[in-house]
PDB file of N, CA and C in Angstrom:
ATOM      1  N   MET A   1     -98.162-122.797  58.145  1.00  0.00           N
ATOM      2  CA  MET A   1     -98.715-121.936  57.131  1.00  0.00           C
ATOM      3  C   MET A   1     -97.999-120.583  57.185  1.00  0.00           C
ATOM      4  N   PRO A   2     -97.290-120.205  56.102  1.00  0.00           N
ATOM      5  CA  PRO A   2     -96.586-118.917  56.122  1.00  0.00           C
ATOM      6  C   PRO A   2     -97.576-117.758  56.074  1.00  0.00           C
ATOM      7  N   THR A   3     -97.241-116.701  56.776  1.00  0.00           N
ATOM      8  CA  THR A   3     -98.099-115.524  56.782  1.00  0.00           C
ATOM      9  C   THR A   3     -97.473-114.422  55.935  1.00  0.00           C
ATOM     10  N   GLU A   4     -98.323-113.582  55.381  1.00  0.00           N
ATOM     11  CA  GLU A   4     -97.843-112.449  54.594  1.00  0.00           C
ATOM     12  C   GLU A   4     -97.405-111.338  55.541  1.00  0.00           C
ATOM     13  N   PRO A   5     -96.398-110.588  55.128  1.00  0.00           N
ATOM     14  CA  PRO A   5     -96.019-109.434  55.951  1.00  0.00           C
ATOM     15  C   PRO A   5     -97.106-108.361  55.887  1.00  0.00           C
ATOM     16  N   ILE A   6     -97.186-107.546  56.899  1.00  0.00           N
ATOM     17  CA  ILE A   6     -98.135-106.430  56.899  1.00  0.00           C
ATOM     18  C   ILE A   6     -97.642-105.341  55.952  1.00  0.00           C
ATOM     19  N   SER A   7     -96.341-105.104  55.996  1.00  0.00           N
ATOM     20  CA  SER A   7     -95.744-104.091  55.122  1.00  0.00           C
ATOM     21  C   SER A   7     -94.300-104.471  54.844  1.00  0.00           C
ATOM     22  N   VAL A   8     -93.739-103.847  53.809  1.00  0.00           N
ATOM     23  CA  VAL A   8     -92.339-104.096  53.456  1.00  0.00           C
ATOM     24  C   VAL A   8     -91.648-102.770  53.170  1.00  0.00           C
ATOM     25  N   ARG A   9     -90.352-102.762  53.304  1.00  0.00           N
ATOM     26  CA  ARG A   9     -89.570-101.579  52.955  1.00  0.00           C
ATOM     27  C   ARG A   9     -89.530-101.432  51.440  1.00  0.00           C
ATOM     28  N   VAL A  10     -89.199-100.250  50.962  1.00  0.00           N
ATOM     29  CA  VAL A  10     -89.154 -99.985  49.529  1.00  0.00           C
ATOM     30  C   VAL A  10     -88.191-100.947  48.831  1.00  0.00           C
ATOM     31  N   SER A  11     -87.028-101.191  49.422  1.00  0.00           N
ATOM     32  CA  SER A  11     -86.038-102.082  48.793  1.00  0.00           C
ATOM     33  C   SER A  11     -86.594-103.494  48.624  1.00  0.00           C
ATOM     34  N   THR A  12     -87.368-103.960  49.579  1.00  0.00           N
ATOM     35  CA  THR A  12     -87.982-105.282  49.478  1.00  0.00           C
ATOM     36  C   THR A  12     -89.082-105.280  48.428  1.00  0.00           C
ATOM     37  N   ALA A  13     -89.844-104.198  48.346  1.00  0.00           N
ATOM     38  CA  ALA A  13     -90.911-104.082  47.348  1.00  0.00           C
ATOM     39  C   ALA A  13     -90.333-104.138  45.939  1.00  0.00           C
ATOM     40  N   VAL A  14     -89.165-103.528  45.742  1.00  0.00           N
ATOM     41  CA  VAL A  14     -88.495-103.564  44.440  1.00  0.00           C
ATOM     42  C   VAL A  14     -88.165-105.010  44.072  1.00  0.00           C
ATOM     43  N   LYS A  15     -87.630-105.761  45.023  1.00  0.00           N
ATOM     44  CA  LYS A  15     -87.269-107.163  44.778  1.00  0.00           C
ATOM     45  C   LYS A  15     -88.502-108.030  44.526  1.00  0.00           C
ATOM     46  N   LEU A  16     -89.556-107.806  45.296  1.00  0.00           N
ATOM     47  CA  LEU A  16     -90.767-108.625  45.179  1.00  0.00           C
ATOM     48  C   LEU A  16     -91.511-108.396  43.867  1.00  0.00           C
ATOM     49  N   THR A  17     -91.537-107.149  43.414  1.00  0.00           N
ATOM     50  CA  THR A  17     -92.347-106.819  42.238  1.00  0.00           C
ATOM     51  C   THR A  17     -91.563-106.799  40.933  1.00  0.00           C
ATOM     52  N   GLY A  18     -90.261-106.569  41.025  1.00  0.00           N
ATOM     53  CA  GLY A  18     -89.469-106.420  39.811  1.00  0.00           C
ATOM     54  C   GLY A  18     -89.594-105.028  39.206  1.00  0.00           C
ATOM     55  N   ILE A  19     -90.286-104.138  39.897  1.00  0.00           N
ATOM     56  CA  ILE A  19     -90.443-102.755  39.455  1.00  0.00           C
ATOM     57  C   ILE A  19     -89.213-101.978  39.919  1.00  0.00           C
ATOM     58  N   GLY A  20     -88.690-101.136  39.063  1.00  0.00           N
ATOM     59  CA  GLY A  20     -87.522-100.330  39.419  1.00  0.00           C
ATOM     60  C   GLY A  20     -87.812 -99.373  40.563  1.00  0.00           C
ATOM     61  N   ARG A  21     -86.770 -99.043  41.293  1.00  0.00           N
ATOM     62  CA  ARG A  21     -86.910 -98.166  42.455  1.00  0.00           C
ATOM     63  C   ARG A  21     -87.522 -96.811  42.069  1.00  0.00           C
ATOM     64  N   SER A  22     -87.042 -96.209  40.978  1.00  0.00           N
ATOM     65  CA  SER A  22     -87.564 -94.894  40.595  1.00  0.00           C
ATOM     66  C   SER A  22     -89.022 -94.990  40.150  1.00  0.00           C
ATOM     67  N   THR A  23     -89.376 -96.066  39.464  1.00  0.00           N
ATOM     68  CA  THR A  23     -90.776 -96.264  39.056  1.00  0.00           C
ATOM     69  C   THR A  23     -91.654 -96.437  40.282  1.00  0.00           C
ATOM     70  N   LEU A  24     -91.157 -97.179  41.266  1.00  0.00           N
ATOM     71  CA  LEU A  24     -91.918 -97.379  42.501  1.00  0.00           C
ATOM     72  C   LEU A  24     -92.163 -96.048  43.198  1.00  0.00           C
ATOM     73  N   TYR A  25     -91.137 -95.202  43.253  1.00  0.00           N
ATOM     74  CA  TYR A  25     -91.314 -93.883  43.871  1.00  0.00           C
ATOM     75  C   TYR A  25     -92.284 -93.016  43.077  1.00  0.00           C
ATOM     76  N   GLU A  26     -92.309 -93.156  41.758  1.00  0.00           N
ATOM     77  CA  GLU A  26     -93.285 -92.426  40.946  1.00  0.00           C
ATOM     78  C   GLU A  26     -94.706 -92.880  41.282  1.00  0.00           C
ATOM     79  N   LEU A  27     -94.890 -94.196  41.457  1.00  0.00           N
ATOM     80  CA  LEU A  27     -96.210 -94.729  41.826  1.00  0.00           C
ATOM     81  C   LEU A  27     -96.634 -94.231  43.207  1.00  0.00           C
ATOM     82  N   ILE A  28     -95.675 -94.107  44.104  1.00  0.00           N
ATOM     83  CA  ILE A  28     -95.962 -93.576  45.443  1.00  0.00           C
ATOM     84  C   ILE A  28     -96.366 -92.105  45.327  1.00  0.00           C
ATOM     85  N   LYS A  29     -95.598 -91.334  44.550  1.00  0.00           N
ATOM     86  CA  LYS A  29     -95.882 -89.896  44.390  1.00  0.00           C
ATOM     87  C   LYS A  29     -97.248 -89.655  43.757  1.00  0.00           C
ATOM     88  N   SER A  30     -97.629 -90.522  42.804  1.00  0.00           N
ATOM     89  CA  SER A  30     -98.916 -90.359  42.123  1.00  0.00           C
ATOM     90  C   SER A  30    -100.097 -90.826  42.976  1.00  0.00           C
ATOM     91  N   GLY A  31     -99.807 -91.520  44.070  1.00  0.00           N
ATOM     92  CA  GLY A  31    -100.873 -91.999  44.946  1.00  0.00           C
ATOM     93  C   GLY A  31    -101.364 -93.397  44.616  1.00  0.00           C
ATOM     94  N   GLU A  32    -100.761 -94.044  43.617  1.00  0.00           N
ATOM     95  CA  GLU A  32    -101.177 -95.405  43.270  1.00  0.00           C
ATOM     96  C   GLU A  32    -100.761 -96.416  44.336  1.00  0.00           C
ATOM     97  N   ILE A  33     -99.681 -96.109  45.027  1.00  0.00           N
ATOM     98  CA  ILE A  33     -99.219 -96.957  46.129  1.00  0.00           C
ATOM     99  C   ILE A  33     -99.156 -96.091  47.368  1.00  0.00           C
ATOM    100  N   GLU A  34     -99.760 -96.554  48.451  1.00  0.00           N
ATOM    101  CA  GLU A  34     -99.693 -95.789  49.692  1.00  0.00           C
ATOM    102  C   GLU A  34     -98.472 -96.222  50.495  1.00  0.00           C
ATOM    103  N   THR A  35     -98.029 -95.351  51.367  1.00  0.00           N
ATOM    104  CA  THR A  35     -96.891 -95.648  52.227  1.00  0.00           C
ATOM    105  C   THR A  35     -97.224 -95.303  53.666  1.00  0.00           C
ATOM    106  N   VAL A  36     -96.417 -95.861  54.557  1.00  0.00           N
ATOM    107  CA  VAL A  36     -96.517 -95.563  55.981  1.00  0.00           C
ATOM    108  C   VAL A  36     -95.120 -95.180  56.435  1.00  0.00           C
ATOM    109  N   LYS A  37     -94.992 -94.024  57.045  1.00  0.00           N
ATOM    110  CA  LYS A  37     -93.702 -93.591  57.569  1.00  0.00           C
ATOM    111  C   LYS A  37     -93.635 -93.922  59.051  1.00  0.00           C
ATOM    112  N   ILE A  38     -92.561 -94.604  59.429  1.00  0.00           N
ATOM    113  CA  ILE A  38     -92.293 -94.877  60.838  1.00  0.00           C
ATOM    114  C   ILE A  38     -90.879 -94.373  61.098  1.00  0.00           C
ATOM    115  N   GLY A  39     -90.809 -93.271  61.799  1.00  0.00           N
ATOM    116  CA  GLY A  39     -89.514 -92.614  61.962  1.00  0.00           C
ATOM    117  C   GLY A  39     -89.043 -92.133  60.595  1.00  0.00           C
ATOM    118  N   ARG A  40     -87.824 -92.517  60.217  1.00  0.00           N
ATOM    119  CA  ARG A  40     -87.292 -92.133  58.916  1.00  0.00           C
ATOM    120  C   ARG A  40     -87.510 -93.219  57.871  1.00  0.00           C
ATOM    121  N   SER A  41     -88.085 -94.342  58.278  1.00  0.00           N
ATOM    122  CA  SER A  41     -88.288 -95.469  57.358  1.00  0.00           C
ATOM    123  C   SER A  41     -89.635 -95.375  56.653  1.00  0.00           C
ATOM    124  N   THR A  42     -89.647 -95.776  55.388  1.00  0.00           N
ATOM    125  CA  THR A  42     -90.871 -95.798  54.592  1.00  0.00           C
ATOM    126  C   THR A  42     -91.255 -97.246  54.341  1.00  0.00           C
ATOM    127  N   PHE A  43     -92.496 -97.576  54.630  1.00  0.00           N
ATOM    128  CA  PHE A  43     -93.009 -98.918  54.421  1.00  0.00           C
ATOM    129  C   PHE A  43     -94.188 -98.869  53.455  1.00  0.00           C
ATOM    130  N   ILE A  44     -94.332 -99.936  52.681  1.00  0.00           N
ATOM    131  CA  ILE A  44     -95.450-100.067  51.751  1.00  0.00           C
ATOM    132  C   ILE A  44     -96.317-101.223  52.237  1.00  0.00           C
ATOM    133  N   PRO A  45     -97.601-100.979  52.473  1.00  0.00           N
ATOM    134  CA  PRO A  45     -98.478-102.083  52.867  1.00  0.00           C
ATOM    135  C   PRO A  45     -98.464-103.185  51.796  1.00  0.00           C
ATOM    136  N   TYR A  46     -98.303-104.409  52.236  1.00  0.00           N
ATOM    137  CA  TYR A  46     -98.199-105.554  51.326  1.00  0.00           C
ATOM    138  C   TYR A  46     -99.439-105.664  50.438  1.00  0.00           C
ATOM    139  N   ARG A  47    -100.599-105.348  50.993  1.00  0.00           N
ATOM    140  CA  ARG A  47    -101.847-105.439  50.230  1.00  0.00           C
ATOM    141  C   ARG A  47    -101.822-104.505  49.007  1.00  0.00           C
ATOM    142  N   CYS A  48    -101.124-103.362  49.126  1.00  0.00           N
ATOM    143  CA  CYS A  48    -101.010-102.428  48.017  1.00  0.00           C
ATOM    144  C   CYS A  48    -100.187-103.026  46.880  1.00  0.00           C
ATOM    145  N   LEU A  49     -99.137-103.751  47.232  1.00  0.00           N
ATOM    146  CA  LEU A  49     -98.312-104.405  46.211  1.00  0.00           C
ATOM    147  C   LEU A  49     -99.107-105.497  45.502  1.00  0.00           C
ATOM    148  N   LYS A  50     -99.871-106.262  46.277  1.00  0.00           N
ATOM    149  CA  LYS A  50    -100.686-107.318  45.683  1.00  0.00           C
ATOM    150  C   LYS A  50    -101.730-106.741  44.738  1.00  0.00           C
ATOM    151  N   ARG A  51    -102.343-105.640  45.135  1.00  0.00           N
ATOM    152  CA  ARG A  51    -103.338-104.987  44.301  1.00  0.00           C
ATOM    153  C   ARG A  51    -102.699-104.442  43.025  1.00  0.00           C
ATOM    154  N   LEU A  52    -101.495-103.892  43.141  1.00  0.00           N
ATOM    155  CA  LEU A  52    -100.790-103.347  41.992  1.00  0.00           C
ATOM    156  C   LEU A  52    -100.452-104.440  40.980  1.00  0.00           C
ATOM    157  N   ILE A  53    -100.001-105.568  41.458  1.00  0.00           N
ATOM    158  CA  ILE A  53     -99.606-106.667  40.589  1.00  0.00           C
ATOM    159  C   ILE A  53    -100.838-107.427  40.077  1.00  0.00           C
ATOM    160  N   GLY A  54    -101.943-107.316  40.805  1.00  0.00           N
ATOM    161  CA  GLY A  54    -103.176-107.961  40.367  1.00  0.00           C
ATOM    162  C   GLY A  54    -103.336-109.365  40.883  1.00  0.00           C
ATOM    163  N   ASP A  55    -102.780-109.650  42.045  1.00  0.00           N
ATOM    164  CA  ASP A  55    -102.886-110.983  42.639  1.00  0.00           C
ATOM    165  C   ASP A  55    -104.049-111.044  43.614  1.00  0.00           C
TER     166      ASP A  55
END
């Protein structure tokens, strides 16, 4: 049984959702998508992407 990732990098989120990188950053800036910073890397919780897409 495949498991869902806990979080994904922005580049992966772009591929998974089909949303453009700049649009994704706008959603992050507006607070519609939360992020987690680990060092210099930005991660998006997978559950946030699912909620955004409506799955």
